[in-house]
Amino acid sequence: MARLRALLGHGKPAPLGGMYDGTSARLVERLGFPAAFIEGYAVSASLYSESDIGLLNQT
């Protein structure tokens, strides 16, 4: 968490690699991004081919 705060604490835009599964996480790492993010739609679209309307996490 300290690395992320240091990265974002300068007031400048920070390049973040977007990922949605293990393969894309590995690509983000290999490309050298200082941090990464993941979003619900990307995960649900890649795994289930469904839109993320909140139904996938409601049990």
PDB file of N, CA and C in Angstrom:
ATOM      1  N   MET A   1       0.810  -1.185   0.000  1.00  0.00           N
ATOM      2  CA  MET A   1       0.000   0.000   0.000  1.00  0.00           C
ATOM      3  C   MET A   1       0.864   1.264   0.000  1.00  0.00           C
ATOM      4  N   ALA A   2       2.022   1.179   0.649  1.00  0.00           N
ATOM      5  CA  ALA A   2       2.914   2.333   0.704  1.00  0.00           C
ATOM      6  C   ALA A   2       3.455   2.684  -0.681  1.00  0.00           C
ATOM      7  N   ARG A   3       3.726   1.657  -1.497  1.00  0.00           N
ATOM      8  CA  ARG A   3       4.212   1.925  -2.862  1.00  0.00           C
ATOM      9  C   ARG A   3       3.151   2.629  -3.695  1.00  0.00           C
ATOM     10  N   LEU A   4       1.887   2.223  -3.534  1.00  0.00           N
ATOM     11  CA  LEU A   4       0.803   2.857  -4.284  1.00  0.00           C
ATOM     12  C   LEU A   4       0.615   4.299  -3.833  1.00  0.00           C
ATOM     13  N   ARG A   5       0.658   4.540  -2.537  1.00  0.00           N
ATOM     14  CA  ARG A   5       0.548   5.919  -2.038  1.00  0.00           C
ATOM     15  C   ARG A   5       1.679   6.781  -2.562  1.00  0.00           C
ATOM     16  N   ALA A   6       2.886   6.248  -2.584  1.00  0.00           N
ATOM     17  CA  ALA A   6       4.033   6.999  -3.097  1.00  0.00           C
ATOM     18  C   ALA A   6       3.874   7.274  -4.586  1.00  0.00           C
ATOM     19  N   LEU A   7       3.350   6.306  -5.321  1.00  0.00           N
ATOM     20  CA  LEU A   7       3.152   6.462  -6.760  1.00  0.00           C
ATOM     21  C   LEU A   7       2.106   7.530  -7.063  1.00  0.00           C
ATOM     22  N   LEU A   8       1.029   7.548  -6.285  1.00  0.00           N
ATOM     23  CA  LEU A   8      -0.068   8.476  -6.548  1.00  0.00           C
ATOM     24  C   LEU A   8       0.075   9.798  -5.801  1.00  0.00           C
ATOM     25  N   GLY A   9       0.991   9.886  -4.868  1.00  0.00           N
ATOM     26  CA  GLY A   9       1.124  11.067  -4.034  1.00  0.00           C
ATOM     27  C   GLY A   9       1.804  12.258  -4.673  1.00  0.00           C
ATOM     28  N   HIS A  10       2.301  12.120  -5.879  1.00  0.00           N
ATOM     29  CA  HIS A  10       3.019  13.211  -6.524  1.00  0.00           C
ATOM     30  C   HIS A  10       2.111  14.177  -7.264  1.00  0.00           C
ATOM     31  N   GLY A  11       0.851  13.863  -7.375  1.00  0.00           N
ATOM     32  CA  GLY A  11      -0.077  14.739  -8.083  1.00  0.00           C
ATOM     33  C   GLY A  11       0.005  14.631  -9.595  1.00  0.00           C
ATOM     34  N   LYS A  12       0.742  13.660 -10.103  1.00  0.00           N
ATOM     35  CA  LYS A  12       0.873  13.453 -11.542  1.00  0.00           C
ATOM     36  C   LYS A  12       0.129  12.176 -11.920  1.00  0.00           C
ATOM     37  N   PRO A  13      -0.319  12.083 -13.165  1.00  0.00           N
ATOM     38  CA  PRO A  13      -0.965  10.838 -13.597  1.00  0.00           C
ATOM     39  C   PRO A  13       0.009   9.661 -13.511  1.00  0.00           C
ATOM     40  N   ALA A  14      -0.490   8.531 -13.092  1.00  0.00           N
ATOM     41  CA  ALA A  14       0.335   7.325 -12.983  1.00  0.00           C
ATOM     42  C   ALA A  14      -0.157   6.292 -13.992  1.00  0.00           C
ATOM     43  N   PRO A  15       0.747   5.710 -14.768  1.00  0.00           N
ATOM     44  CA  PRO A  15       0.328   4.663 -15.709  1.00  0.00           C
ATOM     45  C   PRO A  15      -0.010   3.379 -14.956  1.00  0.00           C
ATOM     46  N   LEU A  16      -1.204   2.872 -15.153  1.00  0.00           N
ATOM     47  CA  LEU A  16      -1.640   1.629 -14.524  1.00  0.00           C
ATOM     48  C   LEU A  16      -2.022   0.642 -15.611  1.00  0.00           C
ATOM     49  N   GLY A  17      -1.614  -0.590 -15.448  1.00  0.00           N
ATOM     50  CA  GLY A  17      -1.971  -1.624 -16.408  1.00  0.00           C
ATOM     51  C   GLY A  17      -3.287  -2.269 -16.007  1.00  0.00           C
ATOM     52  N   GLY A  18      -4.210  -2.350 -16.937  1.00  0.00           N
ATOM     53  CA  GLY A  18      -5.503  -2.986 -16.671  1.00  0.00           C
ATOM     54  C   GLY A  18      -5.415  -4.488 -16.891  1.00  0.00           C
ATOM     55  N   MET A  19      -5.974  -5.255 -15.968  1.00  0.00           N
ATOM     56  CA  MET A  19      -5.934  -6.717 -16.083  1.00  0.00           C
ATOM     57  C   MET A  19      -7.295  -7.299 -15.771  1.00  0.00           C
ATOM     58  N   TYR A  20      -7.521  -8.520 -16.273  1.00  0.00           N
ATOM     59  CA  TYR A  20      -8.797  -9.186 -16.029  1.00  0.00           C
ATOM     60  C   TYR A  20      -8.654 -10.672 -15.742  1.00  0.00           C
ATOM     61  N   ASP A  21      -7.443 -11.198 -15.873  1.00  0.00           N
ATOM     62  CA  ASP A  21      -7.193 -12.596 -15.535  1.00  0.00           C
ATOM     63  C   ASP A  21      -5.694 -12.782 -15.291  1.00  0.00           C
ATOM     64  N   GLY A  22      -5.277 -13.987 -15.045  1.00  0.00           N
ATOM     65  CA  GLY A  22      -3.876 -14.246 -14.753  1.00  0.00           C
ATOM     66  C   GLY A  22      -2.941 -13.935 -15.906  1.00  0.00           C
ATOM     67  N   THR A  23      -3.385 -14.210 -17.118  1.00  0.00           N
ATOM     68  CA  THR A  23      -2.545 -13.936 -18.289  1.00  0.00           C
ATOM     69  C   THR A  23      -2.322 -12.444 -18.465  1.00  0.00           C
ATOM     70  N   SER A  24      -3.377 -11.664 -18.354  1.00  0.00           N
ATOM     71  CA  SER A  24      -3.213 -10.218 -18.504  1.00  0.00           C
ATOM     72  C   SER A  24      -2.421  -9.636 -17.338  1.00  0.00           C
ATOM     73  N   ALA A  25      -2.531 -10.221 -16.142  1.00  0.00           N
ATOM     74  CA  ALA A  25      -1.720  -9.764 -15.009  1.00  0.00           C
ATOM     75  C   ALA A  25      -0.246 -10.002 -15.285  1.00  0.00           C
ATOM     76  N   ARG A  26       0.065 -11.139 -15.865  1.00  0.00           N
ATOM     77  CA  ARG A  26       1.455 -11.449 -16.200  1.00  0.00           C
ATOM     78  C   ARG A  26       1.974 -10.479 -17.257  1.00  0.00           C
ATOM     79  N   LEU A  27       1.147 -10.124 -18.238  1.00  0.00           N
ATOM     80  CA  LEU A  27       1.554  -9.155 -19.260  1.00  0.00           C
ATOM     81  C   LEU A  27       1.808  -7.782 -18.657  1.00  0.00           C
ATOM     82  N   VAL A  28       0.943  -7.360 -17.746  1.00  0.00           N
ATOM     83  CA  VAL A  28       1.136  -6.072 -17.066  1.00  0.00           C
ATOM     84  C   VAL A  28       2.466  -6.077 -16.327  1.00  0.00           C
ATOM     85  N   GLU A  29       2.762  -7.183 -15.670  1.00  0.00           N
ATOM     86  CA  GLU A  29       4.026  -7.292 -14.943  1.00  0.00           C
ATOM     87  C   GLU A  29       5.223  -7.244 -15.901  1.00  0.00           C
ATOM     88  N   ARG A  30       5.150  -7.988 -16.995  1.00  0.00           N
ATOM     89  CA  ARG A  30       6.264  -8.027 -17.957  1.00  0.00           C
ATOM     90  C   ARG A  30       6.494  -6.687 -18.640  1.00  0.00           C
ATOM     91  N   LEU A  31       5.416  -5.927 -18.855  1.00  0.00           N
ATOM     92  CA  LEU A  31       5.560  -4.626 -19.502  1.00  0.00           C
ATOM     93  C   LEU A  31       6.097  -3.563 -18.559  1.00  0.00           C
ATOM     94  N   GLY A  32       6.169  -3.885 -17.276  1.00  0.00           N
ATOM     95  CA  GLY A  32       6.810  -2.987 -16.330  1.00  0.00           C
ATOM     96  C   GLY A  32       5.938  -1.887 -15.756  1.00  0.00           C
ATOM     97  N   PHE A  33       4.624  -2.066 -15.765  1.00  0.00           N
ATOM     98  CA  PHE A  33       3.762  -1.061 -15.146  1.00  0.00           C
ATOM     99  C   PHE A  33       4.040  -1.015 -13.643  1.00  0.00           C
ATOM    100  N   PRO A  34       4.045   0.176 -13.055  1.00  0.00           N
ATOM    101  CA  PRO A  34       4.319   0.269 -11.620  1.00  0.00           C
ATOM    102  C   PRO A  34       3.165  -0.223 -10.751  1.00  0.00           C
ATOM    103  N   ALA A  35       1.975  -0.288 -11.316  1.00  0.00           N
ATOM    104  CA  ALA A  35       0.797  -0.765 -10.573  1.00  0.00           C
ATOM    105  C   ALA A  35      -0.228  -1.259 -11.589  1.00  0.00           C
ATOM    106  N   ALA A  36      -1.228  -1.956 -11.091  1.00  0.00           N
ATOM    107  CA  ALA A  36      -2.261  -2.494 -11.974  1.00  0.00           C
ATOM    108  C   ALA A  36      -3.622  -2.323 -11.331  1.00  0.00           C
ATOM    109  N   PHE A  37      -4.669  -2.432 -12.142  1.00  0.00           N
ATOM    110  CA  PHE A  37      -6.021  -2.366 -11.618  1.00  0.00           C
ATOM    111  C   PHE A  37      -6.858  -3.448 -12.276  1.00  0.00           C
ATOM    112  N   ILE A  38      -7.938  -3.788 -11.629  1.00  0.00           N
ATOM    113  CA  ILE A  38      -8.874  -4.781 -12.151  1.00  0.00           C
ATOM    114  C   ILE A  38     -10.278  -4.240 -11.935  1.00  0.00           C
ATOM    115  N   GLU A  39     -11.161  -4.474 -12.880  1.00  0.00           N
ATOM    116  CA  GLU A  39     -12.524  -3.977 -12.752  1.00  0.00           C
ATOM    117  C   GLU A  39     -13.523  -5.112 -12.919  1.00  0.00           C
ATOM    118  N   GLY A  40     -14.671  -4.946 -12.341  1.00  0.00           N
ATOM    119  CA  GLY A  40     -15.690  -5.990 -12.345  1.00  0.00           C
ATOM    120  C   GLY A  40     -16.167  -6.382 -13.727  1.00  0.00           C
ATOM    121  N   TYR A  41     -16.378  -5.399 -14.592  1.00  0.00           N
ATOM    122  CA  TYR A  41     -16.881  -5.731 -15.921  1.00  0.00           C
ATOM    123  C   TYR A  41     -15.884  -6.580 -16.694  1.00  0.00           C
ATOM    124  N   ALA A  42     -14.609  -6.230 -16.623  1.00  0.00           N
ATOM    125  CA  ALA A  42     -13.599  -6.980 -17.372  1.00  0.00           C
ATOM    126  C   ALA A  42     -13.555  -8.430 -16.925  1.00  0.00           C
ATOM    127  N   VAL A  43     -13.656  -8.664 -15.622  1.00  0.00           N
ATOM    128  CA  VAL A  43     -13.626 -10.033 -15.106  1.00  0.00           C
ATOM    129  C   VAL A  43     -14.866 -10.795 -15.531  1.00  0.00           C
ATOM    130  N   SER A  44     -16.038 -10.194 -15.347  1.00  0.00           N
ATOM    131  CA  SER A  44     -17.269 -10.905 -15.689  1.00  0.00           C
ATOM    132  C   SER A  44     -17.387 -11.132 -17.193  1.00  0.00           C
ATOM    133  N   ALA A  45     -16.935 -10.181 -17.994  1.00  0.00           N
ATOM    134  CA  ALA A  45     -16.996 -10.354 -19.441  1.00  0.00           C
ATOM    135  C   ALA A  45     -16.042 -11.445 -19.911  1.00  0.00           C
ATOM    136  N   SER A  46     -14.855 -11.512 -19.316  1.00  0.00           N
ATOM    137  CA  SER A  46     -13.893 -12.512 -19.758  1.00  0.00           C
ATOM    138  C   SER A  46     -14.241 -13.912 -19.258  1.00  0.00           C
ATOM    139  N   LEU A  47     -14.791 -14.019 -18.063  1.00  0.00           N
ATOM    140  CA  LEU A  47     -15.094 -15.333 -17.499  1.00  0.00           C
ATOM    141  C   LEU A  47     -16.455 -15.877 -17.922  1.00  0.00           C
ATOM    142  N   TYR A  48     -17.454 -15.002 -17.927  1.00  0.00           N
ATOM    143  CA  TYR A  48     -18.822 -15.471 -18.120  1.00  0.00           C
ATOM    144  C   TYR A  48     -19.506 -14.937 -19.372  1.00  0.00           C
ATOM    145  N   SER A  49     -18.856 -14.047 -20.077  1.00  0.00           N
ATOM    146  CA  SER A  49     -19.455 -13.387 -21.248  1.00  0.00           C
ATOM    147  C   SER A  49     -20.774 -12.723 -20.885  1.00  0.00           C
ATOM    148  N   GLU A  50     -20.814 -12.153 -19.691  1.00  0.00           N
ATOM    149  CA  GLU A  50     -22.002 -11.464 -19.191  1.00  0.00           C
ATOM    150  C   GLU A  50     -21.622 -10.043 -18.799  1.00  0.00           C
ATOM    151  N   SER A  51     -22.578  -9.152 -18.891  1.00  0.00           N
ATOM    152  CA  SER A  51     -22.319  -7.788 -18.437  1.00  0.00           C
ATOM    153  C   SER A  51     -22.356  -7.747 -16.914  1.00  0.00           C
ATOM    154  N   ASP A  52     -21.659  -6.776 -16.352  1.00  0.00           N
ATOM    155  CA  ASP A  52     -21.584  -6.659 -14.900  1.00  0.00           C
ATOM    156  C   ASP A  52     -22.683  -5.718 -14.418  1.00  0.00           C
ATOM    157  N   ILE A  53     -23.784  -6.280 -14.006  1.00  0.00           N
ATOM    158  CA  ILE A  53     -24.874  -5.470 -13.460  1.00  0.00           C
ATOM    159  C   ILE A  53     -25.085  -5.800 -11.990  1.00  0.00           C
ATOM    160  N   GLY A  54     -24.065  -6.364 -11.373  1.00  0.00           N
ATOM    161  CA  GLY A  54     -24.127  -6.657  -9.965  1.00  0.00           C
ATOM    162  C   GLY A  54     -24.709  -8.026  -9.638  1.00  0.00           C
ATOM    163  N   LEU A  55     -25.086  -8.789 -10.621  1.00  0.00           N
ATOM    164  CA  LEU A  55     -25.697 -10.094 -10.341  1.00  0.00           C
ATOM    165  C   LEU A  55     -24.682 -11.172 -10.031  1.00  0.00           C
ATOM    166  N   LEU A  56     -23.466 -11.033 -10.541  1.00  0.00           N
ATOM    167  CA  LEU A  56     -22.472 -12.069 -10.352  1.00  0.00           C
ATOM    168  C   LEU A  56     -21.962 -12.154  -8.918  1.00  0.00           C
ATOM    169  N   ASN A  57     -22.015 -11.050  -8.191  1.00  0.00           N
ATOM    170  CA  ASN A  57     -21.510 -11.083  -6.816  1.00  0.00           C
ATOM    171  C   ASN A  57     -22.636 -11.159  -5.786  1.00  0.00           C
ATOM    172  N   GLN A  58     -23.865 -11.239  -6.209  1.00  0.00           N
ATOM    173  CA  GLN A  58     -24.976 -11.378  -5.283  1.00  0.00           C
ATOM    174  C   GLN A  58     -25.293 -12.847  -5.105  1.00  0.00           C
ATOM    175  N   THR A  59     -25.203 -13.327  -3.896  1.00  0.00           N
ATOM    176  CA  THR A  59     -25.472 -14.740  -3.649  1.00  0.00           C
ATOM    177  C   THR A  59     -26.618 -14.908  -2.695  1.00  0.00           C
TER     178      THR A  59
END
